[in-house]
Amino acid sequence: MRAALEAMLARRVARRRAAVVAAFAELGVEAVVEGDAVRASGRGIMARWWRDLALREAGRGRR
């Protein structure tokens, strides 16, 4: 029973990470799953940072 629950949870987590990577891809941002984390990188994230004033301000420590 426990093994079945752990397998179900692992599949759910994998689907959620894949959904996050897909959402980043729709925004033009490269993302990969590295262990338990989803890492976003590349030109897409920089381009989004430049286009989005609120995101730039947040990166500067402002709200």
PDB file of N, CA and C in Angstrom:
ATOM      1  N   MET A   1       0.822  -1.194   0.000  1.00  0.00           N
ATOM      2  CA  MET A   1       0.000   0.000   0.000  1.00  0.00           C
ATOM      3  C   MET A   1       0.867   1.259   0.000  1.00  0.00           C
ATOM      4  N   ARG A   2       1.869   1.291   0.873  1.00  0.00           N
ATOM      5  CA  ARG A   2       2.731   2.467   0.965  1.00  0.00           C
ATOM      6  C   ARG A   2       3.484   2.704  -0.333  1.00  0.00           C
ATOM      7  N   ALA A   3       3.977   1.631  -0.939  1.00  0.00           N
ATOM      8  CA  ALA A   3       4.716   1.761  -2.204  1.00  0.00           C
ATOM      9  C   ALA A   3       3.820   2.323  -3.298  1.00  0.00           C
ATOM     10  N   ALA A   4       2.569   1.898  -3.314  1.00  0.00           N
ATOM     11  CA  ALA A   4       1.627   2.409  -4.318  1.00  0.00           C
ATOM     12  C   ALA A   4       1.377   3.904  -4.112  1.00  0.00           C
ATOM     13  N   LEU A   5       1.225   4.320  -2.866  1.00  0.00           N
ATOM     14  CA  LEU A   5       1.019   5.745  -2.572  1.00  0.00           C
ATOM     15  C   LEU A   5       2.248   6.575  -2.947  1.00  0.00           C
ATOM     16  N   GLU A   6       3.435   6.053  -2.637  1.00  0.00           N
ATOM     17  CA  GLU A   6       4.662   6.768  -3.000  1.00  0.00           C
ATOM     18  C   GLU A   6       4.803   6.894  -4.510  1.00  0.00           C
ATOM     19  N   ALA A   7       4.451   5.844  -5.239  1.00  0.00           N
ATOM     20  CA  ALA A   7       4.523   5.885  -6.708  1.00  0.00           C
ATOM     21  C   ALA A   7       3.519   6.890  -7.260  1.00  0.00           C
ATOM     22  N   MET A   8       2.315   6.915  -6.698  1.00  0.00           N
ATOM     23  CA  MET A   8       1.292   7.868  -7.133  1.00  0.00           C
ATOM     24  C   MET A   8       1.759   9.306  -6.882  1.00  0.00           C
ATOM     25  N   LEU A   9       2.341   9.541  -5.713  1.00  0.00           N
ATOM     26  CA  LEU A   9       2.841  10.872  -5.379  1.00  0.00           C
ATOM     27  C   LEU A   9       3.982  11.276  -6.310  1.00  0.00           C
ATOM     28  N   ALA A  10       4.875  10.342  -6.608  1.00  0.00           N
ATOM     29  CA  ALA A  10       5.991  10.631  -7.515  1.00  0.00           C
ATOM     30  C   ALA A  10       5.484  11.000  -8.909  1.00  0.00           C
ATOM     31  N   ARG A  11       4.453  10.299  -9.393  1.00  0.00           N
ATOM     32  CA  ARG A  11       3.880  10.633 -10.704  1.00  0.00           C
ATOM     33  C   ARG A  11       3.237  12.015 -10.682  1.00  0.00           C
ATOM     34  N   ARG A  12       2.546  12.335  -9.598  1.00  0.00           N
ATOM     35  CA  ARG A  12       1.900  13.645  -9.476  1.00  0.00           C
ATOM     36  C   ARG A  12       2.938  14.770  -9.467  1.00  0.00           C
ATOM     37  N   VAL A  13       4.019  14.567  -8.729  1.00  0.00           N
ATOM     38  CA  VAL A  13       5.087  15.573  -8.664  1.00  0.00           C
ATOM     39  C   VAL A  13       5.732  15.740 -10.034  1.00  0.00           C
ATOM     40  N   ALA A  14       5.967  14.644 -10.727  1.00  0.00           N
ATOM     41  CA  ALA A  14       6.574  14.710 -12.062  1.00  0.00           C
ATOM     42  C   ALA A  14       5.666  15.467 -13.033  1.00  0.00           C
ATOM     43  N   ARG A  15       4.353  15.206 -12.966  1.00  0.00           N
ATOM     44  CA  ARG A  15       3.414  15.932 -13.834  1.00  0.00           C
ATOM     45  C   ARG A  15       3.408  17.421 -13.512  1.00  0.00           C
ATOM     46  N   ARG A  16       3.467  17.770 -12.239  1.00  0.00           N
ATOM     47  CA  ARG A  16       3.468  19.181 -11.853  1.00  0.00           C
ATOM     48  C   ARG A  16       4.734  19.872 -12.359  1.00  0.00           C
ATOM     49  N   ARG A  17       5.883  19.236 -12.203  1.00  0.00           N
ATOM     50  CA  ARG A  17       7.135  19.824 -12.707  1.00  0.00           C
ATOM     51  C   ARG A  17       7.090  19.971 -14.216  1.00  0.00           C
ATOM     52  N   ALA A  18       6.549  18.970 -14.905  1.00  0.00           N
ATOM     53  CA  ALA A  18       6.433  19.054 -16.360  1.00  0.00           C
ATOM     54  C   ALA A  18       5.510  20.197 -16.767  1.00  0.00           C
ATOM     55  N   ALA A  19       4.455  20.424 -15.997  1.00  0.00           N
ATOM     56  CA  ALA A  19       3.539  21.534 -16.285  1.00  0.00           C
ATOM     57  C   ALA A  19       4.234  22.874 -16.101  1.00  0.00           C
ATOM     58  N   VAL A  20       5.086  22.982 -15.094  1.00  0.00           N
ATOM     59  CA  VAL A  20       5.838  24.225 -14.866  1.00  0.00           C
ATOM     60  C   VAL A  20       6.791  24.470 -16.034  1.00  0.00           C
ATOM     61  N   VAL A  21       7.497  23.445 -16.466  1.00  0.00           N
ATOM     62  CA  VAL A  21       8.416  23.573 -17.602  1.00  0.00           C
ATOM     63  C   VAL A  21       7.641  23.979 -18.857  1.00  0.00           C
ATOM     64  N   ALA A  22       6.472  23.391 -19.071  1.00  0.00           N
ATOM     65  CA  ALA A  22       5.648  23.733 -20.234  1.00  0.00           C
ATOM     66  C   ALA A  22       5.178  25.187 -20.159  1.00  0.00           C
ATOM     67  N   ALA A  23       4.795  25.644 -18.968  1.00  0.00           N
ATOM     68  CA  ALA A  23       4.365  27.036 -18.811  1.00  0.00           C
ATOM     69  C   ALA A  23       5.504  27.994 -19.116  1.00  0.00           C
ATOM     70  N   PHE A  24       6.697  27.671 -18.660  1.00  0.00           N
ATOM     71  CA  PHE A  24       7.858  28.501 -18.995  1.00  0.00           C
ATOM     72  C   PHE A  24       8.089  28.508 -20.499  1.00  0.00           C
ATOM     73  N   ALA A  25       7.967  27.350 -21.129  1.00  0.00           N
ATOM     74  CA  ALA A  25       8.182  27.251 -22.579  1.00  0.00           C
ATOM     75  C   ALA A  25       7.203  28.147 -23.334  1.00  0.00           C
ATOM     76  N   GLU A  26       5.958  28.205 -22.879  1.00  0.00           N
ATOM     77  CA  GLU A  26       4.966  29.076 -23.520  1.00  0.00           C
ATOM     78  C   GLU A  26       5.366  30.549 -23.431  1.00  0.00           C
ATOM     79  N   LEU A  27       6.116  30.886 -22.388  1.00  0.00           N
ATOM     80  CA  LEU A  27       6.588  32.260 -22.217  1.00  0.00           C
ATOM     81  C   LEU A  27       7.902  32.513 -22.944  1.00  0.00           C
ATOM     82  N   GLY A  28       8.449  31.472 -23.562  1.00  0.00           N
ATOM     83  CA  GLY A  28       9.714  31.614 -24.267  1.00  0.00           C
ATOM     84  C   GLY A  28      10.927  31.513 -23.369  1.00  0.00           C
ATOM     85  N   VAL A  29      10.747  30.898 -22.221  1.00  0.00           N
ATOM     86  CA  VAL A  29      11.840  30.763 -21.252  1.00  0.00           C
ATOM     87  C   VAL A  29      12.266  29.306 -21.194  1.00  0.00           C
ATOM     88  N   GLU A  30      13.581  29.087 -21.299  1.00  0.00           N
ATOM     89  CA  GLU A  30      14.105  27.729 -21.157  1.00  0.00           C
ATOM     90  C   GLU A  30      13.996  27.301 -19.706  1.00  0.00           C
ATOM     91  N   ALA A  31      13.541  26.094 -19.479  1.00  0.00           N
ATOM     92  CA  ALA A  31      13.459  25.556 -18.123  1.00  0.00           C
ATOM     93  C   ALA A  31      13.737  24.064 -18.171  1.00  0.00           C
ATOM     94  N   VAL A  32      14.393  23.576 -17.139  1.00  0.00           N
ATOM     95  CA  VAL A  32      14.687  22.151 -17.026  1.00  0.00           C
ATOM     96  C   VAL A  32      14.451  21.709 -15.594  1.00  0.00           C
ATOM     97  N   VAL A  33      14.155  20.443 -15.431  1.00  0.00           N
ATOM     98  CA  VAL A  33      14.011  19.866 -14.104  1.00  0.00           C
ATOM     99  C   VAL A  33      15.380  19.366 -13.678  1.00  0.00           C
ATOM    100  N   GLU A  34      15.845  19.848 -12.545  1.00  0.00           N
ATOM    101  CA  GLU A  34      17.117  19.400 -11.965  1.00  0.00           C
ATOM    102  C   GLU A  34      16.836  18.900 -10.561  1.00  0.00           C
ATOM    103  N   GLY A  35      16.745  17.609 -10.429  1.00  0.00           N
ATOM    104  CA  GLY A  35      16.420  17.031  -9.124  1.00  0.00           C
ATOM    105  C   GLY A  35      15.017  17.421  -8.709  1.00  0.00           C
ATOM    106  N   ASP A  36      14.899  18.113  -7.581  1.00  0.00           N
ATOM    107  CA  ASP A  36      13.595  18.545  -7.098  1.00  0.00           C
ATOM    108  C   ASP A  36      13.221  19.937  -7.568  1.00  0.00           C
ATOM    109  N   ALA A  37      14.090  20.600  -8.302  1.00  0.00           N
ATOM    110  CA  ALA A  37      13.869  21.987  -8.697  1.00  0.00           C
ATOM    111  C   ALA A  37      13.621  22.113 -10.199  1.00  0.00           C
ATOM    112  N   VAL A  38      12.902  23.164 -10.550  1.00  0.00           N
ATOM    113  CA  VAL A  38      12.762  23.551 -11.949  1.00  0.00           C
ATOM    114  C   VAL A  38      13.601  24.811 -12.112  1.00  0.00           C
ATOM    115  N   ARG A  39      14.577  24.756 -12.984  1.00  0.00           N
ATOM    116  CA  ARG A  39      15.468  25.896 -13.195  1.00  0.00           C
ATOM    117  C   ARG A  39      15.151  26.570 -14.511  1.00  0.00           C
ATOM    118  N   ALA A  40      14.915  27.870 -14.428  1.00  0.00           N
ATOM    119  CA  ALA A  40      14.646  28.672 -15.619  1.00  0.00           C
ATOM    120  C   ALA A  40      15.909  29.451 -15.957  1.00  0.00           C
ATOM    121  N   SER A  41      16.211  29.521 -17.247  1.00  0.00           N
ATOM    122  CA  SER A  41      17.408  30.244 -17.651  1.00  0.00           C
ATOM    123  C   SER A  41      17.286  30.638 -19.106  1.00  0.00           C
ATOM    124  N   GLY A  42      18.285  31.320 -19.572  1.00  0.00           N
ATOM    125  CA  GLY A  42      18.357  31.636 -20.984  1.00  0.00           C
ATOM    126  C   GLY A  42      17.879  33.031 -21.324  1.00  0.00           C
ATOM    127  N   ARG A  43      17.890  33.277 -22.617  1.00  0.00           N
ATOM    128  CA  ARG A  43      17.527  34.596 -23.125  1.00  0.00           C
ATOM    129  C   ARG A  43      16.074  34.936 -22.845  1.00  0.00           C
ATOM    130  N   GLY A  44      15.207  33.938 -22.846  1.00  0.00           N
ATOM    131  CA  GLY A  44      13.786  34.196 -22.643  1.00  0.00           C
ATOM    132  C   GLY A  44      13.488  34.852 -21.315  1.00  0.00           C
ATOM    133  N   ILE A  45      14.165  34.392 -20.279  1.00  0.00           N
ATOM    134  CA  ILE A  45      13.907  34.985 -18.969  1.00  0.00           C
ATOM    135  C   ILE A  45      14.450  36.415 -18.904  1.00  0.00           C
ATOM    136  N   MET A  46      15.576  36.663 -19.540  1.00  0.00           N
ATOM    137  CA  MET A  46      16.121  38.023 -19.571  1.00  0.00           C
ATOM    138  C   MET A  46      15.208  38.943 -20.374  1.00  0.00           C
ATOM    139  N   ALA A  47      14.700  38.455 -21.500  1.00  0.00           N
ATOM    140  CA  ALA A  47      13.794  39.269 -22.315  1.00  0.00           C
ATOM    141  C   ALA A  47      12.532  39.601 -21.528  1.00  0.00           C
ATOM    142  N   ARG A  48      12.003  38.619 -20.821  1.00  0.00           N
ATOM    143  CA  ARG A  48      10.804  38.887 -20.014  1.00  0.00           C
ATOM    144  C   ARG A  48      11.121  39.904 -18.920  1.00  0.00           C
ATOM    145  N   TRP A  49      12.288  39.797 -18.315  1.00  0.00           N
ATOM    146  CA  TRP A  49      12.685  40.737 -17.268  1.00  0.00           C
ATOM    147  C   TRP A  49      12.691  42.156 -17.829  1.00  0.00           C
ATOM    148  N   TRP A  50      13.220  42.336 -19.031  1.00  0.00           N
ATOM    149  CA  TRP A  50      13.272  43.666 -19.635  1.00  0.00           C
ATOM    150  C   TRP A  50      11.887  44.187 -20.007  1.00  0.00           C
ATOM    151  N   ARG A  51      10.973  43.313 -20.410  1.00  0.00           N
ATOM    152  CA  ARG A  51       9.630  43.741 -20.824  1.00  0.00           C
ATOM    153  C   ARG A  51       8.722  44.058 -19.653  1.00  0.00           C
ATOM    154  N   ASP A  52       8.958  43.475 -18.506  1.00  0.00           N
ATOM    155  CA  ASP A  52       8.034  43.558 -17.389  1.00  0.00           C
ATOM    156  C   ASP A  52       8.605  44.457 -16.289  1.00  0.00           C
ATOM    157  N   LEU A  53       8.108  45.689 -16.205  1.00  0.00           N
ATOM    158  CA  LEU A  53       8.612  46.654 -15.227  1.00  0.00           C
ATOM    159  C   LEU A  53       8.473  46.133 -13.801  1.00  0.00           C
ATOM    160  N   ALA A  54       7.340  45.528 -13.469  1.00  0.00           N
ATOM    161  CA  ALA A  54       7.138  45.025 -12.106  1.00  0.00           C
ATOM    162  C   ALA A  54       8.168  43.956 -11.764  1.00  0.00           C
ATOM    163  N   LEU A  55       8.492  43.121 -12.720  1.00  0.00           N
ATOM    164  CA  LEU A  55       9.496  42.082 -12.497  1.00  0.00           C
ATOM    165  C   LEU A  55      10.873  42.709 -12.290  1.00  0.00           C
ATOM    166  N   ARG A  56      11.195  43.732 -13.082  1.00  0.00           N
ATOM    167  CA  ARG A  56      12.488  44.402 -12.894  1.00  0.00           C
ATOM    168  C   ARG A  56      12.560  45.055 -11.523  1.00  0.00           C
ATOM    169  N   GLU A  57      11.497  45.715 -11.115  1.00  0.00           N
ATOM    170  CA  GLU A  57      11.486  46.371  -9.809  1.00  0.00           C
ATOM    171  C   GLU A  57      11.612  45.338  -8.682  1.00  0.00           C
ATOM    172  N   ALA A  58      10.945  44.202  -8.825  1.00  0.00           N
ATOM    173  CA  ALA A  58      11.055  43.166  -7.820  1.00  0.00           C
ATOM    174  C   ALA A  58      12.488  42.661  -7.725  1.00  0.00           C
ATOM    175  N   GLY A  59      13.152  42.579  -8.875  1.00  0.00           N
ATOM    176  CA  GLY A  59      14.542  42.140  -8.883  1.00  0.00           C
ATOM    177  C   GLY A  59      15.478  43.119  -8.213  1.00  0.00           C
ATOM    178  N   ARG A  60      15.031  44.348  -8.110  1.00  0.00           N
ATOM    179  CA  ARG A  60      15.844  45.375  -7.455  1.00  0.00           C
ATOM    180  C   ARG A  60      15.512  45.493  -5.972  1.00  0.00           C
ATOM    181  N   GLY A  61      14.632  44.631  -5.486  1.00  0.00           N
ATOM    182  CA  GLY A  61      14.287  44.654  -4.069  1.00  0.00           C
ATOM    183  C   GLY A  61      13.136  45.582  -3.740  1.00  0.00           C
ATOM    184  N   ARG A  62      12.471  46.121  -4.767  1.00  0.00           N
ATOM    185  CA  ARG A  62      11.299  46.973  -4.539  1.00  0.00           C
ATOM    186  C   ARG A  62      10.048  46.174  -4.773  1.00  0.00           C
ATOM    187  N   ARG A  63       8.926  46.710  -4.294  1.00  0.00           N
ATOM    188  CA  ARG A  63       7.640  46.017  -4.492  1.00  0.00           C
ATOM    189  C   ARG A  63       6.917  46.544  -5.648  1.00  0.00           C
TER     190      ARG A  63
END
